[in-house]
């Protein structure tokens, strides 16, 4: 299983790691941590040296109840950072965490390689056609509701089968538009209870039936720290445990704050497959 990132074929037969770079002031774990160019470059260099294949940049906080920002503000935050990273790390593969087609278009023009859409195309009607035009890999995530309301009583008949239906419909639409590389993400914590999240983690291998690479993002999330009654800062060990389960259940990409530990989990699980 491969994806084409700006002409480079990434082989996903061995799982890869995507490092998270939040340039938002209010993300749940590292909000406001990377405020200036020096801090950003240091963090990205660290993640790349530890083995990250992708760097995922987000300028819109999607934590539950996060403040909504305008498209213009998102662009002003993110485009200069993409340009900065491309200048310093010419070989970098940048993923853009956005649900807005205009942000997708402008950041790809600035040198980014993938689009990571938390809304699965539901928050911008032009996203699918834009990704088709751009011919870039697209991460299709499931979210019930919006970041502002998604945790207010999320409800499913059966979360696993509901999500498989959701992805099957969206994949059909994307393939019809000739989007070649689609990666699916069940969206842990996005409009799901703790029980929903663990059912999905347990049944992640059911999603292999969709014949698309699977990305998992559980890094330091509330499904871990609330269960264990700890803080996000204390949730690295829990993240590694959850990442290991995800890898054993068929994940191709781990989206994480802590690259080295995720790479360790990949190496160990590869030895027992």
Protein backbone atom coordinates (compact mmCIF):
# COMPACT_ATOMS: atom_id res chain seq x y z
CA UNK A 1 0.00 0.00 0.00
CA UNK A 2 1.55 3.31 -1.13
CA UNK A 3 0.54 6.97 -1.32
CA UNK A 4 1.98 9.58 -3.68
CA UNK A 5 3.22 12.74 -1.93
CA UNK A 6 4.50 15.29 -4.47
CA UNK A 7 5.92 12.53 -6.65
CA UNK A 8 7.45 10.56 -3.77
CA UNK A 9 5.83 7.18 -3.17
CA UNK A 10 5.45 6.45 0.55
CA UNK A 11 5.24 2.73 1.27
CA UNK A 12 2.79 2.05 4.10
CA UNK A 13 3.47 -1.68 4.36
CA UNK A 14 5.56 -0.65 7.37
CA UNK A 15 3.55 1.82 9.52
CA UNK A 16 4.66 5.45 9.45
CA UNK A 17 4.56 8.22 12.05
CA UNK A 18 3.04 11.69 11.60
CA UNK A 19 4.32 14.32 14.04
CA UNK A 20 1.86 16.96 15.24
CA UNK A 21 2.74 20.66 15.08
CA UNK A 22 -0.03 22.79 16.57
CA UNK A 23 0.40 26.50 15.91
CA UNK A 24 -2.80 27.32 17.77
CA UNK A 25 -2.84 29.16 21.10
CA UNK A 26 -5.49 26.84 22.59
CA UNK A 27 -4.90 23.21 21.58
CA UNK A 28 -5.61 20.76 24.42
CA UNK A 29 -2.01 19.58 24.90
CA UNK A 30 0.56 21.89 23.32
CA UNK A 31 -1.45 25.05 22.63
CA UNK A 32 0.74 28.16 22.53
CA UNK A 33 3.95 26.14 22.90
CA UNK A 34 5.37 26.93 19.45
CA UNK A 35 5.06 30.70 19.12
CA UNK A 36 8.17 31.72 17.23
CA UNK A 37 10.22 30.47 14.30
CA UNK A 38 13.06 29.15 16.46
CA UNK A 39 10.73 27.00 18.62
CA UNK A 40 8.90 25.70 15.55
CA UNK A 41 12.11 24.79 13.69
CA UNK A 42 13.59 23.11 16.78
CA UNK A 43 10.47 21.00 17.33
CA UNK A 44 10.15 19.98 13.67
CA UNK A 45 13.86 19.10 13.45
CA UNK A 46 13.43 16.93 16.57
CA UNK A 47 10.40 15.11 15.13
CA UNK A 48 12.10 14.51 11.77
CA UNK A 49 15.31 13.26 13.41
CA UNK A 50 13.25 10.85 15.55
CA UNK A 51 11.74 9.30 12.43
CA UNK A 52 8.56 11.19 11.49
CA UNK A 53 7.62 10.68 7.83
CA UNK A 54 4.99 13.43 7.89
CA UNK A 55 4.55 16.68 9.86
CA UNK A 56 0.90 17.65 10.39
CA UNK A 57 0.37 21.39 10.89
CA UNK A 58 -2.82 22.71 12.44
CA UNK A 59 -3.78 26.36 12.83
CA UNK A 60 -7.42 25.77 13.88
CA UNK A 61 -7.93 24.19 17.29
CA UNK A 62 -10.42 21.32 17.09
CA UNK A 63 -10.49 20.42 20.78
CA UNK A 64 -14.06 20.16 22.17
CA UNK A 65 -15.57 23.62 22.58
CA UNK A 66 -12.63 25.37 20.88
CA UNK A 67 -13.09 28.94 19.64
CA UNK A 68 -13.99 29.29 15.96
CA UNK A 69 -11.53 31.39 13.92
CA UNK A 70 -11.95 32.93 10.47
CA UNK A 71 -10.50 31.51 7.27
CA UNK A 72 -8.31 34.59 6.98
CA UNK A 73 -6.83 34.11 10.44
CA UNK A 74 -6.17 30.42 9.74
CA UNK A 75 -4.35 31.34 6.51
CA UNK A 76 -2.32 34.07 8.23
CA UNK A 77 -1.20 31.57 10.86
CA UNK A 78 -0.41 28.63 8.63
CA UNK A 79 0.97 29.74 5.23
CA UNK A 80 4.13 31.43 6.63
CA UNK A 81 4.88 28.30 8.69
CA UNK A 82 4.59 26.03 5.64
CA UNK A 83 6.96 28.36 3.73
CA UNK A 84 9.37 28.45 6.68
CA UNK A 85 9.52 24.66 6.96
CA UNK A 86 9.89 24.07 3.21
CA UNK A 87 12.82 26.54 3.19
CA UNK A 88 14.60 24.86 6.11
CA UNK A 89 13.68 21.23 5.34
CA UNK A 90 13.26 20.95 1.54
CA UNK A 91 12.46 17.21 1.69
CA UNK A 92 9.76 17.57 4.38
CA UNK A 93 6.32 16.06 3.72
CA UNK A 94 3.76 18.42 5.25
CA UNK A 95 0.17 17.51 6.02
CA UNK A 96 -2.30 20.35 6.59
CA UNK A 97 -4.95 19.90 9.26
CA UNK A 98 -7.84 21.94 7.84
CA UNK A 99 -11.48 21.56 6.80
CA UNK A 100 -11.39 24.60 4.48
CA UNK A 101 -10.79 24.16 0.74
CA UNK A 102 -9.19 27.60 0.37
CA UNK A 103 -6.67 26.81 3.11
CA UNK A 104 -6.01 23.46 1.39
CA UNK A 105 -5.39 25.17 -1.95
CA UNK A 106 -3.09 27.90 -0.61
CA UNK A 107 -1.00 25.63 1.60
CA UNK A 108 -0.50 23.04 -1.17
CA UNK A 109 0.61 25.93 -3.42
CA UNK A 110 3.10 26.87 -0.67
CA UNK A 111 4.60 23.37 -0.67
CA UNK A 112 2.43 21.13 1.55
CA UNK A 113 1.72 17.59 0.32
CA UNK A 114 -1.43 16.18 2.03
CA UNK A 115 -4.75 17.46 3.38
CA UNK A 116 -6.05 16.18 6.73
CA UNK A 117 -9.74 17.09 7.03
CA UNK A 118 -11.38 16.50 10.43
CA UNK A 119 -14.83 17.02 8.90
CA UNK A 120 -14.58 14.46 6.08
CA UNK A 121 -15.75 17.10 3.63
CA UNK A 122 -18.82 18.01 5.68
CA UNK A 123 -17.78 21.55 6.65
CA UNK A 124 -16.83 22.79 3.17
CA UNK A 125 -18.78 21.63 0.10
CA UNK A 126 -15.81 22.45 -2.14
CA UNK A 127 -13.26 20.29 -0.31
CA UNK A 128 -13.64 17.08 -2.35
CA UNK A 129 -13.49 18.85 -5.73
CA UNK A 130 -10.51 20.91 -4.51
CA UNK A 131 -8.58 17.82 -3.42
CA UNK A 132 -9.42 16.21 -6.77
CA UNK A 133 -8.03 19.28 -8.58
CA UNK A 134 -4.90 19.34 -6.43
CA UNK A 135 -4.36 15.57 -6.81
CA UNK A 136 -2.93 15.18 -3.30
CA UNK A 137 -3.52 12.49 -0.67
CA UNK A 138 -6.56 13.22 1.49
CA UNK A 139 -7.12 12.12 5.07
CA UNK A 140 -10.85 11.53 5.47
CA UNK A 141 -11.80 11.75 9.13
CA UNK A 142 -15.15 11.06 10.77
CA UNK A 143 -16.58 13.60 13.20
CA UNK A 144 -20.14 13.79 14.51
CA UNK A 145 -21.12 17.48 14.67
CA UNK A 146 -18.52 20.29 14.86
CA UNK A 147 -15.68 20.95 17.33
CA UNK A 148 -18.01 23.38 19.10
CA UNK A 149 -20.76 20.80 19.80
CA UNK A 150 -19.37 17.33 19.01
CA UNK A 151 -19.15 16.13 22.62
CA UNK A 152 -22.75 17.06 23.49
CA UNK A 153 -24.36 13.62 23.66
CA UNK A 154 -22.82 11.76 20.69
CA UNK A 155 -25.16 8.99 19.50
CA UNK A 156 -24.85 5.95 17.18
CA UNK A 157 -26.79 2.76 16.45
CA UNK A 158 -23.55 0.82 16.29
CA UNK A 159 -20.52 3.04 15.97
CA UNK A 160 -18.37 0.61 13.99
CA UNK A 161 -20.97 -0.22 11.34
CA UNK A 162 -22.18 3.42 11.23
CA UNK A 163 -18.63 4.58 10.48
CA UNK A 164 -17.98 1.87 7.90
CA UNK A 165 -21.12 3.08 6.05
CA UNK A 166 -19.96 6.71 6.34
CA UNK A 167 -16.54 5.88 4.88
CA UNK A 168 -17.93 3.67 2.12
CA UNK A 169 -20.15 6.53 0.88
CA UNK A 170 -17.38 9.14 1.07
CA UNK A 171 -14.82 6.87 -0.58
CA UNK A 172 -17.24 6.21 -3.44
CA UNK A 173 -17.64 9.97 -3.95
CA UNK A 174 -13.88 10.64 -3.78
CA UNK A 175 -13.02 7.82 -6.17
CA UNK A 176 -15.68 9.09 -8.59
CA UNK A 177 -13.82 12.44 -8.54
CA UNK A 178 -10.54 10.55 -9.20
CA UNK A 179 -8.95 11.28 -5.81
CA UNK A 180 -6.46 8.42 -5.82
CA UNK A 181 -4.98 8.40 -2.33
CA UNK A 182 -7.53 8.47 0.48
CA UNK A 183 -6.54 7.63 4.06
CA UNK A 184 -9.29 7.02 6.63
CA UNK A 185 -9.30 8.18 10.25
CA UNK A 186 -12.11 7.07 12.58
CA UNK A 187 -11.72 10.31 14.54
CA UNK A 188 -11.06 9.22 18.11
CA UNK A 189 -12.57 11.81 20.46
CA UNK A 190 -14.50 13.65 17.74
CA UNK A 191 -18.16 13.21 18.66
CA UNK A 192 -17.59 9.97 20.57
CA UNK A 193 -17.93 8.84 24.18
CA UNK A 194 -15.09 7.01 25.93
CA UNK A 195 -16.96 3.74 25.28
CA UNK A 196 -17.31 4.58 21.57
CA UNK A 197 -13.57 5.27 21.33
CA UNK A 198 -12.60 1.94 22.88
CA UNK A 199 -15.03 0.00 20.71
CA UNK A 200 -13.40 1.58 17.65
CA UNK A 201 -9.90 0.83 18.92
CA UNK A 202 -10.88 -2.78 19.55
CA UNK A 203 -12.56 -3.14 16.14
CA UNK A 204 -10.15 -1.07 14.05
CA UNK A 205 -9.30 -4.09 11.92
CA UNK A 206 -12.95 -4.12 10.68
CA UNK A 207 -12.05 -1.00 8.67
CA UNK A 208 -9.56 -2.99 6.58
CA UNK A 209 -12.58 -4.04 4.50
CA UNK A 210 -12.61 -0.52 3.02
CA UNK A 211 -9.22 -1.16 1.37
CA UNK A 212 -7.79 2.22 2.38
CA UNK A 213 -4.84 3.07 4.63
CA UNK A 214 -5.86 3.75 8.24
CA UNK A 215 -4.55 6.68 10.29
CA UNK A 216 -4.95 6.66 14.07
CA UNK A 217 -4.74 9.72 16.31
CA UNK A 218 -5.11 8.91 20.00
CA UNK A 219 -2.09 10.87 21.25
CA UNK A 220 -2.68 12.17 24.82
CA UNK A 221 -6.45 12.37 24.20
CA UNK A 222 -9.20 12.43 26.82
CA UNK A 223 -10.16 8.79 26.11
CA UNK A 224 -6.82 8.01 27.78
CA UNK A 225 -6.35 10.63 30.47
CA UNK A 226 -9.98 10.73 31.65
CA UNK A 227 -10.10 6.94 31.93
CA UNK A 228 -6.91 6.95 34.03
CA UNK A 229 -7.72 10.17 35.93
CA UNK A 230 -4.48 11.86 34.87
CA UNK A 231 -3.57 14.95 32.80
CA UNK A 232 -2.67 15.05 29.07
CA UNK A 233 0.90 15.77 30.18
CA UNK A 234 0.96 12.43 32.06
CA UNK A 235 -0.59 10.42 29.22
CA UNK A 236 2.47 9.38 27.21
CA UNK A 237 2.56 5.82 28.55
CA UNK A 238 -1.19 5.45 27.90
CA UNK A 239 -0.68 6.81 24.37
CA UNK A 240 1.98 4.18 23.66
CA UNK A 241 -0.33 1.42 24.94
CA UNK A 242 -3.19 2.62 22.69
CA UNK A 243 -0.86 3.12 19.70
CA UNK A 244 0.40 -0.45 20.09
CA UNK A 245 -3.16 -1.82 20.04
CA UNK A 246 -3.91 0.32 16.96
CA UNK A 247 -0.81 -1.00 15.17
CA UNK A 248 -1.70 -4.61 15.97
CA UNK A 249 -5.19 -3.91 14.59
CA UNK A 250 -3.96 -2.65 11.23
CA UNK A 251 -3.10 1.05 11.52
CA UNK A 252 -0.77 2.37 8.79
CA UNK A 253 -0.06 5.86 10.21
CA UNK A 254 0.16 7.03 13.83
CA UNK A 255 -0.49 10.75 14.36
CA UNK A 256 1.36 11.72 17.55
CA UNK A 257 2.92 14.43 19.70
CA UNK A 258 5.79 12.11 20.71
CA UNK A 259 7.54 10.67 17.66
CA UNK A 260 10.32 8.62 19.26
CA UNK A 261 7.93 6.61 21.44
CA UNK A 262 5.61 5.97 18.47
CA UNK A 263 8.57 4.77 16.37
CA UNK A 264 9.51 2.39 19.20
CA UNK A 265 5.96 0.99 19.18
CA UNK A 266 6.15 0.49 15.40
CA UNK A 267 9.47 -1.36 15.62
CA UNK A 268 8.27 -3.66 18.40
CA UNK A 269 4.90 -4.50 16.81
CA UNK A 270 6.59 -5.20 13.46
CA UNK A 271 8.64 -7.89 15.20
CA UNK A 272 5.56 -9.80 16.35
CA UNK A 273 3.39 -9.52 13.22
